[in-house]
Amino acid sequence: MTNPLLAPWEGPFGLPPFTAIRDADFAPAVETALAEARAAVAAIAANPEAPTFANTIAALELADLTLNRVLGLFWTLAGAASNPAREALETEFAPRLSAYGSEITSNKALFARIEALWAARETLALTPEEARVLMLTRRGFVRAGAQLTGAEEARMT
């Protein structure tokens, strides 16, 4: 049976099929979505083409769409109608999502692509929105320790 969290949501206004979703569906959906997101981020970091806004920043924004969709629904349900199963899932997800975030911000190849775009930002003809997204992405990486090395990097990770 297909996990309803991973299938297309075809309810009115693109809503999920609430009656088909069970708490037990969330852990496998998050696992699948994390694997999908990790693969997408790895592909961005390993892209042999020169970094562009589209193949780096925009691609990074889209890398975890499934994860965001699944977790958005989970956090909504957990906040509106908490139960012991959802509380256990919150505890289970927290370290895994933290590790995922650290993997992204400590990915040296990915950060090198972002830095290359940052260094060339004046010549990229970015729209104001793109320039802001580039700035926010880079700042997020820097604040998460992407420029650290050695013991400082290990400690941050």
C-alpha atoms as a PDB file:
ATOM      1  CA  MET A   1       0.000   0.000   0.000  1.00  0.00           C
ATOM      2  CA  THR A   2       1.265   3.460  -0.856  1.00  0.00           C
ATOM      3  CA  ASN A   3       1.946   5.810   2.009  1.00  0.00           C
ATOM      4  CA  PRO A   4      -0.740   8.517   1.704  1.00  0.00           C
ATOM      5  CA  LEU A   5       1.761  11.130   2.855  1.00  0.00           C
ATOM      6  CA  LEU A   6       3.987  10.440  -0.140  1.00  0.00           C
ATOM      7  CA  ALA A   7       1.250  10.075  -2.751  1.00  0.00           C
ATOM      8  CA  PRO A   8      -0.038  13.173  -4.539  1.00  0.00           C
ATOM      9  CA  TRP A   9      -2.529  15.056  -2.398  1.00  0.00           C
ATOM     10  CA  GLU A  10      -5.630  15.367  -4.512  1.00  0.00           C
ATOM     11  CA  GLY A  11      -8.095  16.722  -1.968  1.00  0.00           C
ATOM     12  CA  PRO A  12      -9.795  20.073  -2.437  1.00  0.00           C
ATOM     13  CA  PHE A  13      -7.174  22.832  -2.698  1.00  0.00           C
ATOM     14  CA  GLY A  14      -4.447  20.159  -2.669  1.00  0.00           C
ATOM     15  CA  LEU A  15      -5.263  19.077   0.876  1.00  0.00           C
ATOM     16  CA  PRO A  16      -3.952  15.726   2.118  1.00  0.00           C
ATOM     17  CA  PRO A  17      -6.282  12.736   2.496  1.00  0.00           C
ATOM     18  CA  PHE A  18      -6.756  13.194   6.241  1.00  0.00           C
ATOM     19  CA  THR A  19      -8.977  10.130   6.660  1.00  0.00           C
ATOM     20  CA  ALA A  20      -6.338   7.861   5.100  1.00  0.00           C
ATOM     21  CA  ILE A  21      -3.412   9.114   7.205  1.00  0.00           C
ATOM     22  CA  ARG A  22      -2.374   7.264  10.348  1.00  0.00           C
ATOM     23  CA  ASP A  23       0.269   8.266  12.865  1.00  0.00           C
ATOM     24  CA  ALA A  24       2.243   5.185  11.799  1.00  0.00           C
ATOM     25  CA  ASP A  25       2.571   6.680   8.291  1.00  0.00           C
ATOM     26  CA  PHE A  26       4.737   9.588   9.437  1.00  0.00           C
ATOM     27  CA  ALA A  27       7.994   7.813  10.377  1.00  0.00           C
ATOM     28  CA  PRO A  28       8.372   5.955   7.056  1.00  0.00           C
ATOM     29  CA  ALA A  29       7.333   9.064   5.125  1.00  0.00           C
ATOM     30  CA  VAL A  30       9.922  11.191   6.929  1.00  0.00           C
ATOM     31  CA  GLU A  31      12.570   8.516   6.320  1.00  0.00           C
ATOM     32  CA  THR A  32      11.771   8.439   2.599  1.00  0.00           C
ATOM     33  CA  ALA A  33      11.612  12.237   2.372  1.00  0.00           C
ATOM     34  CA  LEU A  34      14.944  12.615   4.204  1.00  0.00           C
ATOM     35  CA  ALA A  35      16.603  10.169   1.800  1.00  0.00           C
ATOM     36  CA  GLU A  36      15.133  12.070  -1.156  1.00  0.00           C
ATOM     37  CA  ALA A  37      16.326  15.403   0.247  1.00  0.00           C
ATOM     38  CA  ARG A  38      19.817  14.075   0.993  1.00  0.00           C
ATOM     39  CA  ALA A  39      20.113  12.760  -2.559  1.00  0.00           C
ATOM     40  CA  ALA A  40      18.980  16.096  -3.986  1.00  0.00           C
ATOM     41  CA  VAL A  41      21.479  18.045  -1.853  1.00  0.00           C
ATOM     42  CA  ALA A  42      24.277  15.641  -2.790  1.00  0.00           C
ATOM     43  CA  ALA A  43      23.446  16.125  -6.471  1.00  0.00           C
ATOM     44  CA  ILE A  44      23.579  19.908  -6.081  1.00  0.00           C
ATOM     45  CA  ALA A  45      26.910  19.748  -4.272  1.00  0.00           C
ATOM     46  CA  ALA A  46      28.400  17.371  -6.860  1.00  0.00           C
ATOM     47  CA  ASN A  47      27.057  19.231  -9.900  1.00  0.00           C
ATOM     48  CA  PRO A  48      30.026  19.609 -12.284  1.00  0.00           C
ATOM     49  CA  GLU A  49      28.507  22.719 -13.886  1.00  0.00           C
ATOM     50  CA  ALA A  50      29.557  26.129 -12.654  1.00  0.00           C
ATOM     51  CA  PRO A  51      27.287  27.327  -9.863  1.00  0.00           C
ATOM     52  CA  THR A  52      24.339  29.455 -10.884  1.00  0.00           C
ATOM     53  CA  PHE A  53      21.459  30.761  -8.854  1.00  0.00           C
ATOM     54  CA  ALA A  54      19.190  28.180 -10.524  1.00  0.00           C
ATOM     55  CA  ASN A  55      21.401  25.102 -10.102  1.00  0.00           C
ATOM     56  CA  THR A  56      22.489  25.920  -6.563  1.00  0.00           C
ATOM     57  CA  ILE A  57      20.261  28.267  -4.563  1.00  0.00           C
ATOM     58  CA  ALA A  58      16.918  27.580  -6.273  1.00  0.00           C
ATOM     59  CA  ALA A  59      17.705  23.863  -6.410  1.00  0.00           C
ATOM     60  CA  LEU A  60      18.549  23.879  -2.701  1.00  0.00           C
ATOM     61  CA  GLU A  61      15.242  25.591  -1.932  1.00  0.00           C
ATOM     62  CA  LEU A  62      13.439  22.762  -3.747  1.00  0.00           C
ATOM     63  CA  ALA A  63      15.574  19.889  -2.445  1.00  0.00           C
ATOM     64  CA  ASP A  64      13.373  19.078   0.522  1.00  0.00           C
ATOM     65  CA  LEU A  65       9.887  19.826  -0.776  1.00  0.00           C
ATOM     66  CA  THR A  66       8.558  16.397   0.156  1.00  0.00           C
ATOM     67  CA  LEU A  67      10.114  16.596   3.605  1.00  0.00           C
ATOM     68  CA  ASN A  68       8.623  20.039   4.181  1.00  0.00           C
ATOM     69  CA  ARG A  69       5.211  18.870   3.004  1.00  0.00           C
ATOM     70  CA  VAL A  70       5.200  15.813   5.270  1.00  0.00           C
ATOM     71  CA  LEU A  71       6.598  17.649   8.281  1.00  0.00           C
ATOM     72  CA  GLY A  72       4.300  20.629   7.751  1.00  0.00           C
ATOM     73  CA  LEU A  73       1.319  18.333   8.067  1.00  0.00           C
ATOM     74  CA  PHE A  74       2.873  16.447  10.977  1.00  0.00           C
ATOM     75  CA  TRP A  75       3.631  19.593  13.009  1.00  0.00           C
ATOM     76  CA  THR A  76       0.144  20.931  12.273  1.00  0.00           C
ATOM     77  CA  LEU A  77      -1.487  17.748  13.528  1.00  0.00           C
ATOM     78  CA  ALA A  78       0.875  17.402  16.488  1.00  0.00           C
ATOM     79  CA  GLY A  79       0.177  20.982  17.524  1.00  0.00           C
ATOM     80  CA  ALA A  80      -3.582  20.830  17.044  1.00  0.00           C
ATOM     81  CA  ALA A  81      -4.256  17.303  18.279  1.00  0.00           C
ATOM     82  CA  SER A  82      -1.316  15.923  20.215  1.00  0.00           C
ATOM     83  CA  ASN A  83      -1.340  12.333  21.380  1.00  0.00           C
ATOM     84  CA  PRO A  84       1.284   9.947  22.801  1.00  0.00           C
ATOM     85  CA  ALA A  85       2.180   8.585  19.351  1.00  0.00           C
ATOM     86  CA  ARG A  86       2.769  12.059  17.932  1.00  0.00           C
ATOM     87  CA  GLU A  87       4.755  13.089  20.995  1.00  0.00           C
ATOM     88  CA  ALA A  88       6.975  10.026  20.529  1.00  0.00           C
ATOM     89  CA  LEU A  89       7.439  10.922  16.861  1.00  0.00           C
ATOM     90  CA  GLU A  90       8.420  14.477  17.793  1.00  0.00           C
ATOM     91  CA  THR A  91      11.116  13.038  20.064  1.00  0.00           C
ATOM     92  CA  GLU A  92      12.254  10.652  17.326  1.00  0.00           C
ATOM     93  CA  PHE A  93      12.339  13.298  14.593  1.00  0.00           C
ATOM     94  CA  ALA A  94      14.191  16.040  16.483  1.00  0.00           C
ATOM     95  CA  PRO A  95      17.729  14.563  16.414  1.00  0.00           C
ATOM     96  CA  ARG A  96      17.316  13.234  12.873  1.00  0.00           C
ATOM     97  CA  LEU A  97      16.221  16.611  11.547  1.00  0.00           C
ATOM     98  CA  SER A  98      18.999  18.354  13.444  1.00  0.00           C
ATOM     99  CA  ALA A  99      21.547  15.974  11.927  1.00  0.00           C
ATOM    100  CA  TYR A 100      20.094  16.594   8.469  1.00  0.00           C
ATOM    101  CA  GLY A 101      20.428  20.346   8.925  1.00  0.00           C
ATOM    102  CA  SER A 102      24.018  19.950  10.088  1.00  0.00           C
ATOM    103  CA  GLU A 103      24.817  17.736   7.107  1.00  0.00           C
ATOM    104  CA  ILE A 104      23.669  20.462   4.758  1.00  0.00           C
ATOM    105  CA  THR A 105      25.409  23.392   6.416  1.00  0.00           C
ATOM    106  CA  SER A 106      28.652  21.445   6.893  1.00  0.00           C
ATOM    107  CA  ASN A 107      28.749  20.260   3.274  1.00  0.00           C
ATOM    108  CA  LYS A 108      31.951  21.926   2.035  1.00  0.00           C
ATOM    109  CA  ALA A 109      31.237  21.370  -1.661  1.00  0.00           C
ATOM    110  CA  LEU A 110      27.789  22.907  -1.332  1.00  0.00           C
ATOM    111  CA  PHE A 111      29.089  25.876   0.632  1.00  0.00           C
ATOM    112  CA  ALA A 112      31.833  26.397  -1.972  1.00  0.00           C
ATOM    113  CA  ARG A 113      29.118  26.767  -4.606  1.00  0.00           C
ATOM    114  CA  ILE A 114      27.262  29.267  -2.443  1.00  0.00           C
ATOM    115  CA  GLU A 115      30.478  31.200  -1.769  1.00  0.00           C
ATOM    116  CA  ALA A 116      31.255  31.331  -5.489  1.00  0.00           C
ATOM    117  CA  LEU A 117      27.849  32.852  -6.121  1.00  0.00           C
ATOM    118  CA  TRP A 118      28.301  35.264  -3.221  1.00  0.00           C
ATOM    119  CA  ALA A 119      31.668  36.409  -4.547  1.00  0.00           C
ATOM    120  CA  ALA A 120      30.183  36.988  -8.009  1.00  0.00           C
ATOM    121  CA  ARG A 121      26.848  38.406  -6.832  1.00  0.00           C
ATOM    122  CA  GLU A 122      27.422  41.833  -8.396  1.00  0.00           C
ATOM    123  CA  THR A 123      27.844  40.278 -11.844  1.00  0.00           C
ATOM    124  CA  LEU A 124      24.970  37.775 -11.729  1.00  0.00           C
ATOM    125  CA  ALA A 125      22.109  40.123 -12.649  1.00  0.00           C
ATOM    126  CA  LEU A 126      20.009  38.766  -9.805  1.00  0.00           C
ATOM    127  CA  THR A 127      16.558  40.126  -9.126  1.00  0.00           C
ATOM    128  CA  PRO A 128      16.185  41.781  -5.729  1.00  0.00           C
ATOM    129  CA  GLU A 129      14.395  38.674  -4.482  1.00  0.00           C
ATOM    130  CA  GLU A 130      17.153  36.364  -5.724  1.00  0.00           C
ATOM    131  CA  ALA A 131      19.817  38.587  -4.164  1.00  0.00           C
ATOM    132  CA  ARG A 132      17.988  38.433  -0.846  1.00  0.00           C
ATOM    133  CA  VAL A 133      17.601  34.644  -0.996  1.00  0.00           C
ATOM    134  CA  LEU A 134      21.312  34.289  -1.810  1.00  0.00           C
ATOM    135  CA  MET A 135      22.205  36.550   1.117  1.00  0.00           C
ATOM    136  CA  LEU A 136      19.920  34.694   3.523  1.00  0.00           C
ATOM    137  CA  THR A 137      21.180  31.295   2.362  1.00  0.00           C
ATOM    138  CA  ARG A 138      24.810  32.269   2.758  1.00  0.00           C
ATOM    139  CA  ARG A 139      24.169  33.918   6.121  1.00  0.00           C
ATOM    140  CA  GLY A 140      22.389  30.806   7.352  1.00  0.00           C
ATOM    141  CA  PHE A 141      25.333  28.635   6.349  1.00  0.00           C
ATOM    142  CA  VAL A 142      27.872  30.993   7.929  1.00  0.00           C
ATOM    143  CA  ARG A 143      25.902  31.237  11.159  1.00  0.00           C
ATOM    144  CA  ALA A 144      25.657  27.446  11.243  1.00  0.00           C
ATOM    145  CA  GLY A 145      29.449  27.200  11.061  1.00  0.00           C
ATOM    146  CA  ALA A 146      30.125  26.541   7.372  1.00  0.00           C
ATOM    147  CA  GLN A 147      33.330  28.603   7.518  1.00  0.00           C
ATOM    148  CA  LEU A 148      34.704  26.808  10.565  1.00  0.00           C
ATOM    149  CA  THR A 149      37.542  24.308  10.300  1.00  0.00           C
ATOM    150  CA  GLY A 150      39.235  21.744  12.498  1.00  0.00           C
ATOM    151  CA  ALA A 151      38.136  21.396  16.099  1.00  0.00           C
ATOM    152  CA  GLU A 152      35.712  24.310  15.834  1.00  0.00           C
ATOM    153  CA  GLU A 153      33.984  22.639  12.896  1.00  0.00           C
ATOM    154  CA  ALA A 154      33.786  19.296  14.698  1.00  0.00           C
ATOM    155  CA  ARG A 155      32.364  20.926  17.803  1.00  0.00           C
ATOM    156  CA  MET A 156      29.707  22.791  15.821  1.00  0.00           C
ATOM    157  CA  THR A 157      28.696  19.644  13.951  1.00  0.00           C
END
